[in-house]
Amino acid sequence: MYGSLFLIGLSLALAAVVGVLQPPNHRGTVLLSLLGGIGVGIAGLALGSSSFQSGSDVDFWRVFFASSIAGFVTVVAVLAIAWRRARPGAEMRG
């Protein structure tokens, strides 16, 4: 559980830092990265729900941790894409 909460908090902190460093017209992409991470995390919980229907707390936390890892990776990936697209001259190259 602590690992999951750490990853969720780290995702929020990274999004805040990237949002502050982005040019003003690119800051909205930070919210999209968080929405993507939330969506992947919820989808992971939905897909894994059959594995913890037996009522085991350990199974639930295992699925929750795996879902939080997937959500964290999604947030970092979208932030990296947003950072790259916001660099000066990115529109001219792409």
Protein backbone atom coordinates (compact mmCIF):
# COMPACT_ATOMS: atom_id res chain seq x y z
CA MET A 1 0.00 0.00 0.00
CA TYR A 2 2.79 2.42 0.85
CA GLY A 3 4.43 1.83 -2.51
CA SER A 4 1.19 2.60 -4.31
CA LEU A 5 0.65 5.80 -2.36
CA PHE A 6 4.26 6.80 -3.03
CA LEU A 7 3.82 6.32 -6.79
CA ILE A 8 0.53 8.23 -6.84
CA GLY A 9 2.08 11.11 -4.89
CA LEU A 10 5.19 11.10 -7.07
CA SER A 11 3.02 11.27 -10.19
CA LEU A 12 1.23 14.33 -8.82
CA ALA A 13 4.51 15.99 -7.83
CA LEU A 14 6.13 15.32 -11.22
CA ALA A 15 3.08 16.69 -13.00
CA ALA A 16 3.23 19.84 -10.89
CA VAL A 17 6.92 20.39 -11.62
CA VAL A 18 6.53 19.78 -15.34
CA GLY A 19 3.47 22.05 -15.40
CA VAL A 20 5.39 24.90 -13.81
CA LEU A 21 8.30 24.48 -16.22
CA GLN A 22 6.11 24.28 -19.34
CA PRO A 23 5.32 27.37 -21.40
CA PRO A 24 1.91 28.81 -20.46
CA ASN A 25 0.17 27.55 -23.60
CA HIS A 26 1.33 23.94 -22.97
CA ARG A 27 0.39 23.50 -19.31
CA GLY A 28 -2.90 21.76 -20.02
CA THR A 29 -1.07 18.65 -21.18
CA VAL A 30 -0.12 18.00 -17.56
CA LEU A 31 -3.77 17.43 -16.71
CA LEU A 32 -4.06 15.02 -19.62
CA SER A 33 -1.14 13.00 -18.26
CA LEU A 34 -2.87 12.72 -14.88
CA LEU A 35 -6.16 11.74 -16.50
CA GLY A 36 -4.35 9.09 -18.51
CA GLY A 37 -2.69 7.69 -15.40
CA ILE A 38 -5.97 7.63 -13.51
CA GLY A 39 -7.68 5.90 -16.43
CA VAL A 40 -5.01 3.22 -16.70
CA GLY A 41 -5.07 2.66 -12.94
CA ILE A 42 -8.84 2.26 -12.84
CA ALA A 43 -8.77 -0.02 -15.88
CA GLY A 44 -6.12 -2.14 -14.14
CA LEU A 45 -8.31 -2.45 -11.06
CA ALA A 46 -11.27 -3.43 -13.21
CA LEU A 47 -9.27 -6.05 -15.10
CA GLY A 48 -7.79 -7.46 -11.91
CA SER A 49 -11.00 -7.43 -9.90
CA SER A 50 -11.67 -11.09 -10.65
CA SER A 51 -8.42 -12.06 -8.90
CA PHE A 52 -9.43 -10.52 -5.57
CA GLN A 53 -13.10 -11.45 -5.44
CA SER A 54 -12.20 -14.23 -3.02
CA GLY A 55 -11.90 -11.53 -0.33
CA SER A 56 -8.14 -11.75 0.20
CA ASP A 57 -6.58 -8.43 1.19
CA VAL A 58 -3.22 -9.51 -0.19
CA ASP A 59 -4.68 -10.12 -3.64
CA PHE A 60 -6.41 -6.73 -3.64
CA TRP A 61 -3.23 -4.86 -2.67
CA ARG A 62 -1.21 -6.75 -5.26
CA VAL A 63 -3.63 -5.68 -8.01
CA PHE A 64 -3.76 -2.14 -6.60
CA PHE A 65 0.05 -1.92 -6.62
CA ALA A 66 0.31 -3.23 -10.18
CA SER A 67 -2.36 -0.73 -11.28
CA SER A 68 -0.53 2.13 -9.59
CA ILE A 69 2.70 1.13 -11.36
CA ALA A 70 0.89 1.14 -14.71
CA GLY A 71 -0.68 4.52 -13.94
CA PHE A 72 2.68 5.98 -12.90
CA VAL A 73 4.34 4.78 -16.10
CA THR A 74 1.51 6.31 -18.12
CA VAL A 75 1.87 9.67 -16.37
CA VAL A 76 5.64 9.72 -16.90
CA ALA A 77 5.29 8.72 -20.57
CA VAL A 78 2.71 11.42 -21.32
CA LEU A 79 4.75 14.02 -19.42
CA ALA A 80 7.80 13.09 -21.49
CA ILE A 81 5.80 13.48 -24.70
CA ALA A 82 4.40 16.82 -23.51
CA TRP A 83 7.87 18.04 -22.53
CA ARG A 84 9.27 17.12 -25.93
CA ARG A 85 6.42 18.76 -27.83
CA ALA A 86 6.71 22.00 -25.83
CA ARG A 87 10.41 22.51 -26.59
CA PRO A 88 11.17 25.49 -28.82
CA GLY A 89 11.26 24.47 -32.46
CA ALA A 90 9.42 21.19 -31.93
CA GLU A 91 6.66 22.28 -34.31
CA MET A 92 9.15 22.98 -37.08
CA ARG A 93 10.84 19.57 -36.82
CA GLY A 94 7.68 17.49 -36.38
